[in-house]
Amino acid sequence: MATIDMKATGEKIRMYIKNSKMKIAEVQAAFGFNSPQAIYKWMRGDSMPTIDNFVILADIFGVDIGDIVAVSRK
């Protein structure tokens, strides 16, 4: 069964942010968040973005959602 690997997905989000040279505040502004806490939780793999937010992330980084989500098969 396939599941989302939250830790690996968080690492990919962190990598895309780093490679884009965007500051966390810029990513936060793209989502209209009042604080960056959700983004930090995503990067740690403590929580996942909603599907809407995955679409925004993919658009920001110019990739497909599948490039961001890490899948684990057990």
Protein backbone atom coordinates (compact mmCIF):
# COMPACT_ATOMS: atom_id res chain seq x y z
CA MET A 1 0.00 0.00 0.00
CA ALA A 2 1.30 3.45 -0.89
CA THR A 3 1.42 6.20 1.73
CA ILE A 4 2.88 9.68 1.87
CA ASP A 5 6.27 9.73 3.54
CA MET A 6 5.83 12.90 5.57
CA LYS A 7 9.49 13.26 6.56
CA ALA A 8 10.78 12.82 2.99
CA THR A 9 8.08 15.15 1.63
CA GLY A 10 9.13 17.76 4.19
CA GLU A 11 12.73 17.39 3.06
CA LYS A 12 11.66 17.94 -0.55
CA ILE A 13 9.72 21.07 0.42
CA ARG A 14 12.80 22.35 2.26
CA MET A 15 14.97 21.56 -0.78
CA TYR A 16 12.65 23.36 -3.20
CA ILE A 17 12.54 26.43 -0.96
CA LYS A 18 16.33 26.44 -0.63
CA ASN A 19 16.93 25.88 -4.36
CA SER A 20 14.49 28.65 -5.27
CA LYS A 21 16.46 31.00 -3.01
CA MET A 22 13.13 32.17 -1.56
CA LYS A 23 13.01 33.30 2.03
CA ILE A 24 10.47 31.67 4.32
CA ALA A 25 8.74 35.05 4.60
CA GLU A 26 8.27 35.08 0.82
CA VAL A 27 6.75 31.60 0.85
CA GLN A 28 4.56 32.66 3.77
CA ALA A 29 3.38 35.70 1.80
CA ALA A 30 2.53 33.53 -1.23
CA PHE A 31 0.09 31.61 0.96
CA GLY A 32 -1.20 34.66 2.84
CA PHE A 33 -0.26 33.11 6.18
CA ASN A 34 0.10 35.37 9.23
CA SER A 35 3.01 33.31 10.54
CA PRO A 36 5.46 30.84 9.01
CA GLN A 37 4.67 28.04 11.48
CA ALA A 38 2.74 25.91 8.96
CA ILE A 39 5.65 26.05 6.52
CA TYR A 40 8.13 24.99 9.21
CA LYS A 41 5.81 22.09 10.15
CA TRP A 42 5.71 21.01 6.50
CA MET A 43 9.50 21.14 6.24
CA ARG A 44 9.89 19.02 9.40
CA GLY A 45 7.29 16.53 8.20
CA ASP A 46 5.12 17.23 11.24
CA SER A 47 2.15 18.03 8.99
CA MET A 48 1.34 18.12 5.30
CA PRO A 49 -0.01 20.94 3.17
CA THR A 50 -3.62 20.65 2.06
CA ILE A 51 -4.13 19.67 -1.56
CA ASP A 52 -4.79 23.34 -2.36
CA ASN A 53 -1.48 24.29 -0.78
CA PHE A 54 0.34 21.51 -2.65
CA VAL A 55 -1.01 23.06 -5.87
CA ILE A 56 0.37 26.46 -4.82
CA LEU A 57 3.75 24.95 -3.87
CA ALA A 58 3.98 23.18 -7.21
CA ASP A 59 3.15 26.41 -9.02
CA ILE A 60 5.67 28.45 -7.02
CA PHE A 61 8.47 26.00 -7.79
CA GLY A 62 7.39 25.18 -11.36
CA VAL A 63 7.06 21.44 -10.71
CA ASP A 64 4.30 18.84 -10.55
CA ILE A 65 2.77 17.92 -7.20
CA GLY A 66 4.20 14.44 -7.69
CA ASP A 67 7.67 15.94 -7.63
CA ILE A 68 7.05 17.27 -4.12
CA VAL A 69 5.22 14.35 -2.56
CA ALA A 70 7.40 11.42 -1.48
CA VAL A 71 5.56 8.09 -1.58
CA SER A 72 6.43 5.09 0.52
CA ARG A 73 5.24 1.64 -0.54
CA LYS A 74 4.90 -1.07 2.08
